[in-house]
Structures are given as structure tokens and as C-alpha cells.
């Protein structure tokens, strides 16, 4: 599973990080973001690519578990 850290980055950068990672065609990714807009945009992108997304929030940070 690829672990991606997109904390502190403004959109569209978290989506671009996810997109580059998904080009490797792995079955699972975990990405950490620290704002709701990035959480929504990465979730939308991943789902559009056919992935399932599970989100957990802790201390203002969102961990997105993305699986095929």
C-alpha cells in the first residue's frame, strides 16, 4: 500500500499526488490531508477512477483509505 502525505497542500496538489500514485496501478493507497476541500476532491477523484474510499478524521487531519 502506498502511503501519501498531502498535509499543508492546497488543491489541486493533493489530487495530483493521488493521480500520480494511481498511475502505478496498485490496489490500495492511504493519503493524509488536512483540509475538508482536499478530502472531498481526492475522494471524488478516486471514486471516479473506480476506487472505494473510507475516511477517518483525527485532530483535523483526514486519512483516506483508497482501495480497488
C-alpha atoms as a PDB file:
ATOM      1  CA  UNK A   1       0.000   0.000   0.000  1.00  0.00           C
ATOM      2  CA  UNK A   2       1.318   3.414  -0.950  1.00  0.00           C
ATOM      3  CA  UNK A   3       1.339   5.979   1.876  1.00  0.00           C
ATOM      4  CA  UNK A   4       0.920   9.561   0.704  1.00  0.00           C
ATOM      5  CA  UNK A   5       1.219  12.740   2.751  1.00  0.00           C
ATOM      6  CA  UNK A   6      -0.568  15.762   1.304  1.00  0.00           C
ATOM      7  CA  UNK A   7      -0.855  17.792   4.506  1.00  0.00           C
ATOM      8  CA  UNK A   8      -0.312  21.502   4.048  1.00  0.00           C
ATOM      9  CA  UNK A   9      -1.010  21.397   0.320  1.00  0.00           C
ATOM     10  CA  UNK A  10      -3.776  23.331  -1.407  1.00  0.00           C
ATOM     11  CA  UNK A  11      -5.911  21.834  -4.141  1.00  0.00           C
ATOM     12  CA  UNK A  12      -5.341  20.633  -6.740  1.00  0.00           C
ATOM     13  CA  UNK A  13      -1.991  19.330  -5.443  1.00  0.00           C
ATOM     14  CA  UNK A  14      -3.437  16.517  -3.226  1.00  0.00           C
ATOM     15  CA  UNK A  15      -5.448  15.262  -6.212  1.00  0.00           C
ATOM     16  CA  UNK A  16      -2.345  15.380  -8.409  1.00  0.00           C
ATOM     17  CA  UNK A  17      -0.399  13.366  -5.818  1.00  0.00           C
ATOM     18  CA  UNK A  18      -3.164  10.762  -5.769  1.00  0.00           C
ATOM     19  CA  UNK A  19      -3.318  10.723  -9.557  1.00  0.00           C
ATOM     20  CA  UNK A  20       0.422  10.123  -9.905  1.00  0.00           C
ATOM     21  CA  UNK A  21       0.261   7.321  -7.331  1.00  0.00           C
ATOM     22  CA  UNK A  22      -2.709   5.679  -9.057  1.00  0.00           C
ATOM     23  CA  UNK A  23      -0.722   5.536 -12.289  1.00  0.00           C
ATOM     24  CA  UNK A  24       1.249   2.701 -10.657  1.00  0.00           C
ATOM     25  CA  UNK A  25      -1.989   0.642 -10.613  1.00  0.00           C
ATOM     26  CA  UNK A  26      -1.599  -0.506  -7.018  1.00  0.00           C
ATOM     27  CA  UNK A  27      -4.764  -1.811  -5.363  1.00  0.00           C
ATOM     28  CA  UNK A  28      -4.589   0.317  -2.193  1.00  0.00           C
ATOM     29  CA  UNK A  29      -3.441   3.767  -1.112  1.00  0.00           C
ATOM     30  CA  UNK A  30      -3.579   5.806   2.045  1.00  0.00           C
ATOM     31  CA  UNK A  31      -3.410   9.580   1.779  1.00  0.00           C
ATOM     32  CA  UNK A  32      -3.452  12.103   4.615  1.00  0.00           C
ATOM     33  CA  UNK A  33      -4.847  15.602   4.025  1.00  0.00           C
ATOM     34  CA  UNK A  34      -5.551  18.413   6.444  1.00  0.00           C
ATOM     35  CA  UNK A  35      -8.465  20.287   4.919  1.00  0.00           C
ATOM     36  CA  UNK A  36     -12.032  19.328   4.008  1.00  0.00           C
ATOM     37  CA  UNK A  37     -11.742  20.556   0.417  1.00  0.00           C
ATOM     38  CA  UNK A  38      -8.801  18.263  -0.288  1.00  0.00           C
ATOM     39  CA  UNK A  39     -10.671  15.386   1.370  1.00  0.00           C
ATOM     40  CA  UNK A  40     -13.689  15.924  -0.885  1.00  0.00           C
ATOM     41  CA  UNK A  41     -11.670  16.412  -4.073  1.00  0.00           C
ATOM     42  CA  UNK A  42      -9.419  13.374  -3.556  1.00  0.00           C
ATOM     43  CA  UNK A  43     -12.444  11.245  -2.622  1.00  0.00           C
ATOM     44  CA  UNK A  44     -14.326  12.354  -5.734  1.00  0.00           C
ATOM     45  CA  UNK A  45     -11.319  11.689  -7.973  1.00  0.00           C
ATOM     46  CA  UNK A  46     -10.646   8.238  -6.500  1.00  0.00           C
ATOM     47  CA  UNK A  47     -14.283   7.187  -6.784  1.00  0.00           C
ATOM     48  CA  UNK A  48     -14.354   8.405 -10.378  1.00  0.00           C
ATOM     49  CA  UNK A  49     -11.368   6.125 -11.037  1.00  0.00           C
ATOM     50  CA  UNK A  50     -13.274   3.124  -9.639  1.00  0.00           C
ATOM     51  CA  UNK A  51     -11.838   3.062  -6.104  1.00  0.00           C
ATOM     52  CA  UNK A  52     -13.692   2.817  -2.806  1.00  0.00           C
ATOM     53  CA  UNK A  53     -12.799   5.434  -0.211  1.00  0.00           C
ATOM     54  CA  UNK A  54     -13.041   5.223   3.570  1.00  0.00           C
ATOM     55  CA  UNK A  55     -12.330   8.414   5.538  1.00  0.00           C
ATOM     56  CA  UNK A  56     -11.338   8.805   9.174  1.00  0.00           C
ATOM     57  CA  UNK A  57     -10.734  12.137  10.890  1.00  0.00           C
ATOM     58  CA  UNK A  58      -8.483  12.808  13.846  1.00  0.00           C
ATOM     59  CA  UNK A  59      -7.321  16.174  15.148  1.00  0.00           C
ATOM     60  CA  UNK A  60      -8.274  17.988  11.954  1.00  0.00           C
ATOM     61  CA  UNK A  61      -6.486  15.542   9.668  1.00  0.00           C
ATOM     62  CA  UNK A  62      -8.284  13.197   7.309  1.00  0.00           C
ATOM     63  CA  UNK A  63      -6.913   9.774   6.442  1.00  0.00           C
ATOM     64  CA  UNK A  64      -8.350   8.394   3.231  1.00  0.00           C
ATOM     65  CA  UNK A  65      -8.050   4.645   2.698  1.00  0.00           C
ATOM     66  CA  UNK A  66      -8.470   4.087  -1.017  1.00  0.00           C
ATOM     67  CA  UNK A  67      -8.933   0.548  -2.350  1.00  0.00           C
ATOM     68  CA  UNK A  68      -9.819  -1.080  -5.657  1.00  0.00           C
END
